[in-house]
Protein backbone atom coordinates (compact mmCIF):
# COMPACT_ATOMS: atom_id res chain seq x y z
CA MET A 1 161.78 42.47 137.74
CA ARG A 2 159.28 45.30 137.19
CA THR A 3 157.15 43.04 134.97
CA LYS A 4 157.02 40.41 137.72
CA THR A 5 155.97 43.05 140.26
CA ILE A 6 153.19 44.34 138.05
CA PHE A 7 152.07 40.79 137.28
CA ASN A 8 151.94 39.90 141.00
CA ARG A 9 149.94 43.04 141.76
CA ILE A 10 147.44 42.33 138.97
CA CYS A 11 147.06 38.71 140.12
CA ALA A 12 146.37 39.83 143.69
CA ILE A 13 143.71 42.29 142.55
CA ILE A 14 142.05 39.72 140.28
CA LEU A 15 142.08 37.13 143.07
CA LEU A 16 140.63 39.60 145.52
CA SER A 17 137.91 40.74 143.13
CA SER A 18 136.89 37.20 142.30
CA ILE A 19 136.67 36.29 145.99
CA ILE A 20 134.67 39.32 147.05
CA TYR A 21 132.21 39.35 144.16
CA SER A 22 131.94 35.61 143.57
CA SER A 23 128.50 34.10 143.77
CA ASN A 24 130.15 31.07 145.36
CA THR A 25 130.88 32.86 148.61
CA LYS A 26 129.11 30.83 151.24
CA LYS A 27 129.62 29.43 154.74
CA CYS A 28 130.07 32.47 156.95
CA LEU A 29 129.25 35.06 154.31
CA LYS A 30 125.55 35.84 154.62
CA SER A 31 124.91 36.12 150.89
CA SER A 32 126.23 37.56 147.67
CA GLU A 33 123.17 39.79 147.45
CA LYS A 34 123.84 43.47 146.82
CA TRP A 35 122.21 46.52 148.31
CA VAL A 36 122.16 50.13 147.28
CA TYR A 37 124.00 52.26 149.80
CA PRO A 38 122.20 55.60 149.78
CA ASN A 39 125.07 57.69 151.21
CA TYR A 40 127.29 56.94 148.23
CA LEU A 41 124.69 55.99 145.61
CA GLU A 42 126.59 52.87 144.70
CA GLU A 43 125.96 49.17 145.02
CA ILE A 44 127.89 47.41 147.74
CA ASN A 45 127.80 43.88 149.06
CA ASP A 46 127.71 42.56 152.60
CA TRP A 47 131.52 42.20 152.80
CA GLU A 48 131.87 45.92 152.11
CA ILE A 49 129.29 46.66 154.80
CA PHE A 50 131.29 44.45 157.17
CA ILE A 51 134.43 46.47 156.36
CA LYS A 52 132.53 49.70 157.06
CA ALA A 53 131.54 48.24 160.43
CA ILE A 54 135.17 47.41 161.27
CA VAL A 55 136.23 50.91 160.22
CA TRP A 56 133.63 52.37 162.57
CA VAL A 57 134.74 50.15 165.47
CA GLU A 58 138.44 50.81 164.89
CA SER A 59 138.45 54.57 164.23
CA ARG A 60 134.94 55.94 163.77
CA GLY A 61 136.03 56.49 160.16
CA LYS A 62 138.85 58.92 160.98
CA HIS A 63 141.68 58.45 158.47
CA ASP A 64 144.15 60.14 160.82
CA ALA A 65 143.25 58.18 163.96
CA ILE A 66 146.24 57.16 166.08
CA GLY A 67 146.07 54.29 168.56
CA LYS A 68 148.18 53.35 171.56
CA SER A 69 150.48 50.83 169.84
CA ASP A 70 151.66 52.37 166.56
CA ASP A 71 148.30 51.59 164.98
CA VAL A 72 146.98 54.32 162.69
CA GLY A 73 144.33 55.10 160.11
CA VAL A 74 140.74 54.01 159.59
CA LEU A 75 141.60 50.37 160.24
CA GLN A 76 144.24 51.05 162.91
CA LEU A 77 146.93 49.30 160.88
CA ARG A 78 150.24 48.39 162.42
CA ARG A 79 153.47 48.19 160.46
CA ILE A 80 153.41 44.40 160.60
CA MET A 81 150.15 44.36 158.61
CA VAL A 82 151.72 46.52 155.90
CA ASP A 83 154.61 44.05 155.76
CA GLU A 84 152.14 41.15 155.56
CA ALA A 85 150.19 42.72 152.68
CA ASN A 86 153.45 43.36 150.80
CA ARG A 87 154.58 39.77 151.43
CA ILE A 88 151.29 38.40 150.04
CA VAL A 89 151.39 40.63 146.96
CA GLY A 90 155.07 39.85 146.43
CA THR A 91 156.29 43.43 146.22
CA ASN A 92 156.81 46.46 148.44
CA TYR A 93 153.79 48.23 146.98
CA PHE A 94 152.48 49.59 150.29
CA THR A 95 154.37 51.96 152.56
CA TYR A 96 153.88 52.62 156.27
CA GLN A 97 152.50 56.04 155.33
CA ASP A 98 149.73 54.27 153.36
CA ARG A 99 148.14 53.35 156.69
CA LEU A 100 146.75 56.90 156.72
CA ASP A 101 145.19 56.43 153.27
CA SER A 102 141.69 54.99 153.70
CA VAL A 103 141.57 53.36 150.28
CA LYS A 104 144.98 51.71 150.61
CA SER A 105 144.20 50.62 154.17
CA ILE A 106 141.07 48.83 152.98
CA GLU A 107 143.03 47.36 150.07
CA MET A 108 145.59 45.94 152.53
CA PHE A 109 142.78 44.59 154.70
CA ASN A 110 141.22 42.83 151.70
CA ILE A 111 144.53 41.37 150.55
CA VAL A 112 145.24 39.90 153.98
CA GLN A 113 141.69 38.61 154.36
CA ALA A 114 141.64 37.04 150.87
CA HIS A 115 144.87 35.23 151.72
CA ARG A 116 144.06 34.08 155.27
CA ASN A 117 140.26 33.94 155.10
CA PRO A 118 139.23 32.93 151.56
CA ASP A 119 135.65 32.14 152.63
CA LEU A 120 135.35 35.70 153.99
CA CYS A 121 133.97 34.46 157.31
CA PHE A 122 133.10 37.50 159.39
CA LYS A 123 134.11 35.94 162.73
CA LYS A 124 137.43 34.74 161.34
CA ALA A 125 138.02 38.16 159.75
CA ALA A 126 137.56 39.85 163.12
CA LYS A 127 139.94 37.39 164.80
CA ILE A 128 142.58 37.90 162.08
CA TRP A 129 142.28 41.64 162.42
CA ASN A 130 142.42 41.75 166.21
CA PRO A 131 143.71 38.37 167.43
CA THR A 132 143.95 39.35 171.09
CA ALA A 133 140.38 40.63 171.34
CA GLY A 134 137.63 38.48 172.76
CA ASP A 135 134.11 37.91 171.49
CA TRP A 136 133.22 41.46 172.54
CA TYR A 137 135.16 42.76 169.53
CA TYR A 138 133.29 40.57 167.05
CA ASN A 139 129.96 41.41 168.74
CA LYS A 140 130.70 45.12 168.54
CA ILE A 141 131.46 44.82 164.81
CA MET A 142 128.31 42.79 164.20
CA ASP A 143 126.18 45.31 166.11
CA LYS A 144 127.43 48.05 163.81
CA TYR A 145 127.05 45.76 160.77
CA THR A 146 123.39 45.15 161.71
CA GLU A 147 122.87 48.87 162.16
CA LEU A 148 124.35 49.58 158.73
CA LEU A 149 122.14 46.91 157.13
CA ALA A 150 119.08 48.58 158.62
CA CYS A 151 120.03 51.75 156.72
CA GLU A 152 119.90 49.90 153.43
């Protein structure tokens, strides 16, 4: 059973990596071009900038942010999203406490997006993440995304 769990985890990571860094990402994804992000001195792509924009909108980057409806962490994760990420990966890898871990929160976000939004469409990603929000939510994310691009 442990071998199957490890295999499923590795497959999910490989799938996610190939989707995010693939040169075939098109449609809603602006490009596969990379920029140098001066704050971290590392190369990041536009999907990563989009995630940073969502993090800013959701929590202003605070890993210990707590919302009104049991949503916590940088991405304001609810328990149901942890369950969804575990279902996709095929194991109970993530815990509810992991919602307070920025790296694991972003990993869960990417797993869910890779499964439900394989083209990495920004508008669809926003709708998946906050299905009850209107266009204002997407517009707010894209405003921050544009601001982050200007820093590049």
